[in-house]
Amino acid sequence: MKIDIWSDYACPFCYIGKRRLENALSQFPHRDQVEVVFRSFQLDPNAKVNESRDIHDMLAVKYGMTRDKAIAMNEQLAEQARGVGLDFHFDSLVPTNTFDSHRLSHYAGTQGKGAEMSERLLRAYFTDSVNLGERTVLAQLAAEIGLNEQDVLDMLETESFTDEVNGDIEEGQRLGITGVPFFVINNKYAISGAQPGPVFTEVLDTVWAEEQGAPALQLVGSDSSKASPDDGCSDGSCDI
């Protein structure tokens, strides 16, 4: 079984959804036969590497809400994160452009470290409050999971893996993905947003039991996973 996950390292629900999937997989009898592949997606391709505003102000402007409402929304997200064992620090979070972090993720995948790199990047952004747009920081994070720091830095100074990142984004567009996380299982079932654990358990059991694939993606879970313009990045997924 193969699970492709379109996500962005600046998406809080991508981290929450990742944990919910992992929790479901931990109880799945055939988890050793499930391949999880992280695919690139950017919520804001035009984001600055060095952003002067904090995340509260950015969300307030983007979604036309007050700063106080943005803070309250982020506090609710942090509470959801705690429910799956994650510790989000929105007050010190460093907004940035995530393109290089996606290039690093693809590079790590070629070294057999894709899953470890994705986890480290998410934790670095939401818990450790580091700037994922700085290449020296990315190289240091890569070294923490066993990659060669200088090799990573040299790679980031080139255009390597740009095509791979753009290819993921373009494929996501062809699938009609406008918000993340977005999970595609065996190119048949789609789960939009950080759905509750039982949704993941249901689709894992269903796909495993089936012998033939369906001709098109089937959306599993509720449409309520989509974020509304008023709520911004909330209720299960982050939209462009």
C-alpha atoms as a PDB file:
ATOM      1  CA  MET A   1       0.000   0.000   0.000  1.00  0.00           C
ATOM      2  CA  LYS A   2       1.269   3.462  -0.843  1.00  0.00           C
ATOM      3  CA  ILE A   3       0.235   6.710   0.811  1.00  0.00           C
ATOM      4  CA  ASP A   4       1.219   9.968  -0.873  1.00  0.00           C
ATOM      5  CA  ILE A   5       0.909  13.013   1.395  1.00  0.00           C
ATOM      6  CA  TRP A   6       0.851  16.503  -0.082  1.00  0.00           C
ATOM      7  CA  SER A   7       1.881  18.903   2.672  1.00  0.00           C
ATOM      8  CA  ASP A   8       3.790  22.064   3.492  1.00  0.00           C
ATOM      9  CA  TYR A   9       6.190  22.547   6.390  1.00  0.00           C
ATOM     10  CA  ALA A  10       4.391  25.786   7.258  1.00  0.00           C
ATOM     11  CA  CYS A  11       1.030  24.019   7.620  1.00  0.00           C
ATOM     12  CA  PRO A  12       0.034  23.187  11.216  1.00  0.00           C
ATOM     13  CA  PHE A  13      -2.627  20.714  10.152  1.00  0.00           C
ATOM     14  CA  CYS A  14      -0.050  18.856   8.078  1.00  0.00           C
ATOM     15  CA  TYR A  15       1.839  18.031  11.273  1.00  0.00           C
ATOM     16  CA  ILE A  16      -1.357  17.144  13.143  1.00  0.00           C
ATOM     17  CA  GLY A  17      -2.594  15.012  10.247  1.00  0.00           C
ATOM     18  CA  LYS A  18       0.770  13.270  10.011  1.00  0.00           C
ATOM     19  CA  ARG A  19       0.499  12.265  13.668  1.00  0.00           C
ATOM     20  CA  ARG A  20      -3.063  11.031  13.273  1.00  0.00           C
ATOM     21  CA  LEU A  21      -2.029   8.873  10.332  1.00  0.00           C
ATOM     22  CA  GLU A  22       0.956   7.543  12.265  1.00  0.00           C
ATOM     23  CA  ASN A  23      -1.265   6.689  15.212  1.00  0.00           C
ATOM     24  CA  ALA A  24      -3.608   4.783  12.890  1.00  0.00           C
ATOM     25  CA  LEU A  25      -0.666   2.991  11.267  1.00  0.00           C
ATOM     26  CA  SER A  26       0.681   1.969  14.684  1.00  0.00           C
ATOM     27  CA  GLN A  27      -2.486  -0.116  15.150  1.00  0.00           C
ATOM     28  CA  PHE A  28      -2.623  -1.410  11.575  1.00  0.00           C
ATOM     29  CA  PRO A  29      -1.523  -5.085  11.369  1.00  0.00           C
ATOM     30  CA  HIS A  30       0.123  -4.593   7.967  1.00  0.00           C
ATOM     31  CA  ARG A  31       1.930  -1.326   8.717  1.00  0.00           C
ATOM     32  CA  ASP A  32       5.259  -2.785   7.620  1.00  0.00           C
ATOM     33  CA  GLN A  33       3.851  -3.079   4.110  1.00  0.00           C
ATOM     34  CA  VAL A  34       2.758   0.548   3.861  1.00  0.00           C
ATOM     35  CA  GLU A  35       4.960   3.045   2.025  1.00  0.00           C
ATOM     36  CA  VAL A  36       4.486   6.697   2.994  1.00  0.00           C
ATOM     37  CA  VAL A  37       5.777   9.335   0.554  1.00  0.00           C
ATOM     38  CA  PHE A  38       5.792  13.056   1.350  1.00  0.00           C
ATOM     39  CA  ARG A  39       4.953  15.270  -1.599  1.00  0.00           C
ATOM     40  CA  SER A  40       5.670  18.992  -1.846  1.00  0.00           C
ATOM     41  CA  PHE A  41       3.068  21.760  -1.644  1.00  0.00           C
ATOM     42  CA  GLN A  42       3.457  25.457  -0.902  1.00  0.00           C
ATOM     43  CA  LEU A  43       0.707  27.430   0.788  1.00  0.00           C
ATOM     44  CA  ASP A  44       2.476  30.677  -0.112  1.00  0.00           C
ATOM     45  CA  PRO A  45       5.039  30.351  -2.918  1.00  0.00           C
ATOM     46  CA  ASN A  46       5.709  34.103  -2.682  1.00  0.00           C
ATOM     47  CA  ALA A  47       6.525  34.118   1.023  1.00  0.00           C
ATOM     48  CA  LYS A  48       9.683  35.963   2.036  1.00  0.00           C
ATOM     49  CA  VAL A  49      12.646  34.077   3.464  1.00  0.00           C
ATOM     50  CA  ASN A  50      12.996  36.772   6.121  1.00  0.00           C
ATOM     51  CA  GLU A  51       9.549  37.990   7.135  1.00  0.00           C
ATOM     52  CA  SER A  52       9.298  40.952   9.503  1.00  0.00           C
ATOM     53  CA  ARG A  53       5.740  40.186  10.635  1.00  0.00           C
ATOM     54  CA  ASP A  54       4.856  37.427  13.082  1.00  0.00           C
ATOM     55  CA  ILE A  55       2.412  34.659  12.193  1.00  0.00           C
ATOM     56  CA  HIS A  56      -0.490  36.345  13.997  1.00  0.00           C
ATOM     57  CA  ASP A  57      -0.201  39.527  11.935  1.00  0.00           C
ATOM     58  CA  MET A  58       0.287  37.574   8.716  1.00  0.00           C
ATOM     59  CA  LEU A  59      -2.867  35.527   9.244  1.00  0.00           C
ATOM     60  CA  ALA A  60      -4.834  38.609  10.278  1.00  0.00           C
ATOM     61  CA  VAL A  61      -3.951  40.337   7.004  1.00  0.00           C
ATOM     62  CA  LYS A  62      -4.369  37.234   4.835  1.00  0.00           C
ATOM     63  CA  TYR A  63      -7.826  36.344   6.122  1.00  0.00           C
ATOM     64  CA  GLY A  64      -9.112  39.812   6.989  1.00  0.00           C
ATOM     65  CA  MET A  65      -9.444  39.184  10.699  1.00  0.00           C
ATOM     66  CA  THR A  66      -8.232  40.987  13.799  1.00  0.00           C
ATOM     67  CA  ARG A  67      -4.924  40.102  15.390  1.00  0.00           C
ATOM     68  CA  ASP A  68      -6.788  38.941  18.499  1.00  0.00           C
ATOM     69  CA  LYS A  69      -8.860  36.532  16.420  1.00  0.00           C
ATOM     70  CA  ALA A  70      -5.713  35.218  14.725  1.00  0.00           C
ATOM     71  CA  ILE A  71      -4.132  34.623  18.135  1.00  0.00           C
ATOM     72  CA  ALA A  72      -7.254  32.822  19.345  1.00  0.00           C
ATOM     73  CA  MET A  73      -7.283  30.659  16.208  1.00  0.00           C
ATOM     74  CA  ASN A  74      -3.650  29.706  16.731  1.00  0.00           C
ATOM     75  CA  GLU A  75      -4.307  28.898  20.374  1.00  0.00           C
ATOM     76  CA  GLN A  76      -7.033  26.499  19.266  1.00  0.00           C
ATOM     77  CA  LEU A  77      -4.611  24.902  16.811  1.00  0.00           C
ATOM     78  CA  ALA A  78      -2.018  24.518  19.558  1.00  0.00           C
ATOM     79  CA  GLU A  79      -4.631  22.777  21.696  1.00  0.00           C
ATOM     80  CA  GLN A  80      -5.418  20.330  18.894  1.00  0.00           C
ATOM     81  CA  ALA A  81      -1.702  19.692  18.470  1.00  0.00           C
ATOM     82  CA  ARG A  82      -1.340  18.861  22.167  1.00  0.00           C
ATOM     83  CA  GLY A  83      -4.053  16.257  21.673  1.00  0.00           C
ATOM     84  CA  VAL A  84      -1.671  14.239  19.478  1.00  0.00           C
ATOM     85  CA  GLY A  85       1.445  14.945  21.532  1.00  0.00           C
ATOM     86  CA  LEU A  86       2.767  17.959  19.627  1.00  0.00           C
ATOM     87  CA  ASP A  87       3.964  21.233  21.129  1.00  0.00           C
ATOM     88  CA  PHE A  88       3.318  24.260  18.882  1.00  0.00           C
ATOM     89  CA  HIS A  89       4.886  27.642  19.709  1.00  0.00           C
ATOM     90  CA  PHE A  90       3.055  30.153  17.544  1.00  0.00           C
ATOM     91  CA  ASP A  91       4.282  33.220  19.435  1.00  0.00           C
ATOM     92  CA  SER A  92       7.906  32.510  18.488  1.00  0.00           C
ATOM     93  CA  LEU A  93       7.279  30.764  15.144  1.00  0.00           C
ATOM     94  CA  VAL A  94       9.375  32.180  12.271  1.00  0.00           C
ATOM     95  CA  PRO A  95       7.350  32.555   9.032  1.00  0.00           C
ATOM     96  CA  THR A  96       9.424  31.965   5.912  1.00  0.00           C
ATOM     97  CA  ASN A  97       9.481  30.536   2.398  1.00  0.00           C
ATOM     98  CA  THR A  98       9.513  26.724   2.471  1.00  0.00           C
ATOM     99  CA  PHE A  99      10.785  25.956  -1.042  1.00  0.00           C
ATOM    100  CA  ASP A 100      14.330  25.057   0.030  1.00  0.00           C
ATOM    101  CA  SER A 101      13.031  22.855   2.821  1.00  0.00           C
ATOM    102  CA  HIS A 102      11.073  20.888   0.220  1.00  0.00           C
ATOM    103  CA  ARG A 103      14.214  20.541  -1.897  1.00  0.00           C
ATOM    104  CA  LEU A 104      16.010  19.226   1.174  1.00  0.00           C
ATOM    105  CA  SER A 105      13.213  16.736   1.791  1.00  0.00           C
ATOM    106  CA  HIS A 106      13.577  15.350  -1.723  1.00  0.00           C
ATOM    107  CA  TYR A 107      17.348  15.118  -1.314  1.00  0.00           C
ATOM    108  CA  ALA A 108      16.927  13.306   1.998  1.00  0.00           C
ATOM    109  CA  GLY A 109      14.611  10.857   0.279  1.00  0.00           C
ATOM    110  CA  THR A 110      17.399   9.869  -2.100  1.00  0.00           C
ATOM    111  CA  GLN A 111      19.526   9.096   0.962  1.00  0.00           C
ATOM    112  CA  GLY A 112      16.861   6.950   2.606  1.00  0.00           C
ATOM    113  CA  LYS A 113      16.070   9.682   5.147  1.00  0.00           C
ATOM    114  CA  GLY A 114      12.908  11.222   3.734  1.00  0.00           C
ATOM    115  CA  ALA A 115      10.606  10.385   6.647  1.00  0.00           C
ATOM    116  CA  GLU A 116      13.130  11.494   9.268  1.00  0.00           C
ATOM    117  CA  MET A 117      13.777  14.747   7.436  1.00  0.00           C
ATOM    118  CA  SER A 118      10.097  15.600   7.133  1.00  0.00           C
ATOM    119  CA  GLU A 119       9.545  15.030  10.835  1.00  0.00           C
ATOM    120  CA  ARG A 120      12.584  17.122  11.777  1.00  0.00           C
ATOM    121  CA  LEU A 121      11.535  20.004   9.526  1.00  0.00           C
ATOM    122  CA  LEU A 122       8.027  20.116  10.971  1.00  0.00           C
ATOM    123  CA  ARG A 123       9.307  20.044  14.530  1.00  0.00           C
ATOM    124  CA  ALA A 124      11.879  22.714  13.718  1.00  0.00           C
ATOM    125  CA  TYR A 125       9.193  25.041  12.375  1.00  0.00           C
ATOM    126  CA  PHE A 126       6.386  24.555  14.880  1.00  0.00           C
ATOM    127  CA  THR A 127       8.266  23.657  18.069  1.00  0.00           C
ATOM    128  CA  ASP A 128      11.843  24.901  17.791  1.00  0.00           C
ATOM    129  CA  SER A 129      10.990  28.224  16.086  1.00  0.00           C
ATOM    130  CA  VAL A 130      13.851  28.201  13.587  1.00  0.00           C
ATOM    131  CA  ASN A 131      13.917  29.812  10.148  1.00  0.00           C
ATOM    132  CA  LEU A 132      13.498  27.039   7.577  1.00  0.00           C
ATOM    133  CA  GLY A 133      14.353  29.542   4.858  1.00  0.00           C
ATOM    134  CA  GLU A 134      17.994  29.779   5.948  1.00  0.00           C
ATOM    135  CA  ARG A 135      20.135  27.230   4.176  1.00  0.00           C
ATOM    136  CA  THR A 136      22.700  26.958   6.965  1.00  0.00           C
ATOM    137  CA  VAL A 137      19.860  26.071   9.344  1.00  0.00           C
ATOM    138  CA  LEU A 138      18.546  23.438   6.948  1.00  0.00           C
ATOM    139  CA  ALA A 139      22.001  21.896   6.646  1.00  0.00           C
ATOM    140  CA  GLN A 140      22.291  21.728  10.434  1.00  0.00           C
ATOM    141  CA  LEU A 141      18.912  20.033  10.703  1.00  0.00           C
ATOM    142  CA  ALA A 142      19.960  17.538   8.041  1.00  0.00           C
ATOM    143  CA  ALA A 143      23.115  16.750  10.000  1.00  0.00           C
ATOM    144  CA  GLU A 144      20.974  15.946  13.047  1.00  0.00           C
ATOM    145  CA  ILE A 145      19.370  13.040  11.181  1.00  0.00           C
ATOM    146  CA  GLY A 146      22.658  11.709   9.844  1.00  0.00           C
ATOM    147  CA  LEU A 147      23.179  13.539   6.550  1.00  0.00           C
ATOM    148  CA  ASN A 148      26.425  15.271   5.714  1.00  0.00           C
ATOM    149  CA  GLU A 149      26.033  18.960   6.571  1.00  0.00           C
ATOM    150  CA  GLN A 150      28.432  20.260   3.928  1.00  0.00           C
ATOM    151  CA  ASP A 151      26.938  18.060   1.210  1.00  0.00           C
ATOM    152  CA  VAL A 152      23.496  19.415   2.020  1.00  0.00           C
ATOM    153  CA  LEU A 153      24.713  23.004   2.030  1.00  0.00           C
ATOM    154  CA  ASP A 154      26.437  22.478  -1.322  1.00  0.00           C
ATOM    155  CA  MET A 155      23.245  20.978  -2.755  1.00  0.00           C
ATOM    156  CA  LEU A 156      21.119  23.884  -1.522  1.00  0.00           C
ATOM    157  CA  GLU A 157      23.423  26.361  -3.250  1.00  0.00           C
ATOM    158  CA  THR A 158      22.468  24.795  -6.583  1.00  0.00           C
ATOM    159  CA  GLU A 159      19.071  24.331  -8.250  1.00  0.00           C
ATOM    160  CA  SER A 160      19.012  20.624  -7.413  1.00  0.00           C
ATOM    161  CA  PHE A 161      15.570  19.076  -6.754  1.00  0.00           C
ATOM    162  CA  THR A 162      13.760  22.182  -7.963  1.00  0.00           C
ATOM    163  CA  ASP A 163      12.108  20.138 -10.703  1.00  0.00           C
ATOM    164  CA  GLU A 164      11.043  17.498  -8.189  1.00  0.00           C
ATOM    165  CA  VAL A 165       9.377  20.068  -5.948  1.00  0.00           C
ATOM    166  CA  ASN A 166       7.638  21.769  -8.851  1.00  0.00           C
ATOM    167  CA  GLY A 167       6.600  18.376 -10.211  1.00  0.00           C
ATOM    168  CA  ASP A 168       4.848  17.509  -6.946  1.00  0.00           C
ATOM    169  CA  ILE A 169       3.083  20.859  -6.905  1.00  0.00           C
ATOM    170  CA  GLU A 170       1.951  20.466 -10.517  1.00  0.00           C
ATOM    171  CA  GLU A 171       0.680  16.941  -9.886  1.00  0.00           C
ATOM    172  CA  GLY A 172      -1.232  18.226  -6.888  1.00  0.00           C
ATOM    173  CA  GLN A 173      -2.810  20.869  -9.115  1.00  0.00           C
ATOM    174  CA  ARG A 174      -3.854  18.192 -11.596  1.00  0.00           C
ATOM    175  CA  LEU A 175      -5.556  16.336  -8.753  1.00  0.00           C
ATOM    176  CA  GLY A 176      -7.366  19.518  -7.764  1.00  0.00           C
ATOM    177  CA  ILE A 177      -5.594  19.927  -4.439  1.00  0.00           C
ATOM    178  CA  THR A 178      -6.108  23.415  -3.018  1.00  0.00           C
ATOM    179  CA  GLY A 179      -5.486  22.670   0.666  1.00  0.00           C
ATOM    180  CA  VAL A 180      -3.217  20.458   2.707  1.00  0.00           C
ATOM    181  CA  PRO A 181      -2.672  17.939   4.145  1.00  0.00           C
ATOM    182  CA  PHE A 182      -4.034  15.804   1.337  1.00  0.00           C
ATOM    183  CA  PHE A 183      -3.571  12.031   1.488  1.00  0.00           C
ATOM    184  CA  VAL A 184      -3.856   9.769  -1.558  1.00  0.00           C
ATOM    185  CA  ILE A 185      -3.925   6.030  -0.868  1.00  0.00           C
ATOM    186  CA  ASN A 186      -3.058   3.677  -3.727  1.00  0.00           C
ATOM    187  CA  ASN A 187      -4.100   6.381  -6.208  1.00  0.00           C
ATOM    188  CA  LYS A 188      -7.700   5.549  -5.314  1.00  0.00           C
ATOM    189  CA  TYR A 189      -8.816   7.060  -2.022  1.00  0.00           C
ATOM    190  CA  ALA A 190      -8.279  10.656  -0.991  1.00  0.00           C
ATOM    191  CA  ILE A 191      -8.423  12.133   2.494  1.00  0.00           C
ATOM    192  CA  SER A 192      -8.528  15.914   2.694  1.00  0.00           C
ATOM    193  CA  GLY A 193      -7.406  17.551   5.917  1.00  0.00           C
ATOM    194  CA  ALA A 194      -6.310  16.255   9.308  1.00  0.00           C
ATOM    195  CA  GLN A 195      -9.283  13.940   9.693  1.00  0.00           C
ATOM    196  CA  PRO A 196      -9.944  12.046  12.946  1.00  0.00           C
ATOM    197  CA  GLY A 197      -8.014   8.832  13.509  1.00  0.00           C
ATOM    198  CA  PRO A 198     -10.932   6.481  12.704  1.00  0.00           C
ATOM    199  CA  VAL A 199     -11.089   7.877   9.160  1.00  0.00           C
ATOM    200  CA  PHE A 200      -7.504   6.788   8.547  1.00  0.00           C
ATOM    201  CA  THR A 201      -8.175   3.412  10.153  1.00  0.00           C
ATOM    202  CA  GLU A 202     -11.226   2.907   7.931  1.00  0.00           C
ATOM    203  CA  VAL A 203      -9.420   3.626   4.692  1.00  0.00           C
ATOM    204  CA  LEU A 204      -6.393   1.521   5.661  1.00  0.00           C
ATOM    205  CA  ASP A 205      -8.640  -1.467   6.334  1.00  0.00           C
ATOM    206  CA  THR A 206     -10.701  -0.881   3.197  1.00  0.00           C
ATOM    207  CA  VAL A 207      -7.759  -0.544   0.841  1.00  0.00           C
ATOM    208  CA  TRP A 208      -6.026  -3.560   2.297  1.00  0.00           C
ATOM    209  CA  ALA A 209      -9.122  -5.714   1.841  1.00  0.00           C
ATOM    210  CA  GLU A 210      -9.715  -4.726  -1.768  1.00  0.00           C
ATOM    211  CA  GLU A 211      -8.223  -6.668  -4.652  1.00  0.00           C
ATOM    212  CA  GLN A 212      -9.083  -4.257  -7.459  1.00  0.00           C
ATOM    213  CA  GLY A 213      -8.789  -0.467  -7.551  1.00  0.00           C
ATOM    214  CA  ALA A 214     -11.549   1.977  -8.329  1.00  0.00           C
ATOM    215  CA  PRO A 215     -11.227   4.122 -11.470  1.00  0.00           C
ATOM    216  CA  ALA A 216     -11.185   7.457  -9.614  1.00  0.00           C
ATOM    217  CA  LEU A 217     -10.276   9.021  -6.318  1.00  0.00           C
ATOM    218  CA  GLN A 218     -12.900   8.673  -3.622  1.00  0.00           C
ATOM    219  CA  LEU A 219     -12.992  11.342  -0.910  1.00  0.00           C
ATOM    220  CA  VAL A 220     -13.065   9.859   2.597  1.00  0.00           C
ATOM    221  CA  GLY A 221     -14.254  11.950   5.532  1.00  0.00           C
ATOM    222  CA  SER A 222     -16.289  15.103   5.866  1.00  0.00           C
ATOM    223  CA  ASP A 223     -16.264  18.192   3.654  1.00  0.00           C
ATOM    224  CA  SER A 224     -16.034  20.140   6.923  1.00  0.00           C
ATOM    225  CA  SER A 225     -12.301  19.507   6.813  1.00  0.00           C
ATOM    226  CA  LYS A 226     -11.934  22.432   4.442  1.00  0.00           C
ATOM    227  CA  ALA A 227     -10.950  25.747   5.945  1.00  0.00           C
ATOM    228  CA  SER A 228     -13.434  28.566   5.519  1.00  0.00           C
ATOM    229  CA  PRO A 229     -12.318  32.088   4.513  1.00  0.00           C
ATOM    230  CA  ASP A 230     -13.372  33.355   7.931  1.00  0.00           C
ATOM    231  CA  ASP A 231     -11.414  30.773   9.845  1.00  0.00           C
ATOM    232  CA  GLY A 232      -8.271  30.774   7.736  1.00  0.00           C
ATOM    233  CA  CYS A 233      -6.138  27.736   8.466  1.00  0.00           C
ATOM    234  CA  SER A 234      -8.589  25.773  10.596  1.00  0.00           C
ATOM    235  CA  ASP A 235     -10.958  22.829  10.813  1.00  0.00           C
ATOM    236  CA  GLY A 236      -8.553  20.292   9.371  1.00  0.00           C
ATOM    237  CA  SER A 237      -6.684  21.763   6.431  1.00  0.00           C
ATOM    238  CA  CYS A 238      -4.744  24.814   5.304  1.00  0.00           C
ATOM    239  CA  ASP A 239      -5.837  26.409   2.021  1.00  0.00           C
ATOM    240  CA  ILE A 240      -3.815  28.483  -0.404  1.00  0.00           C
END
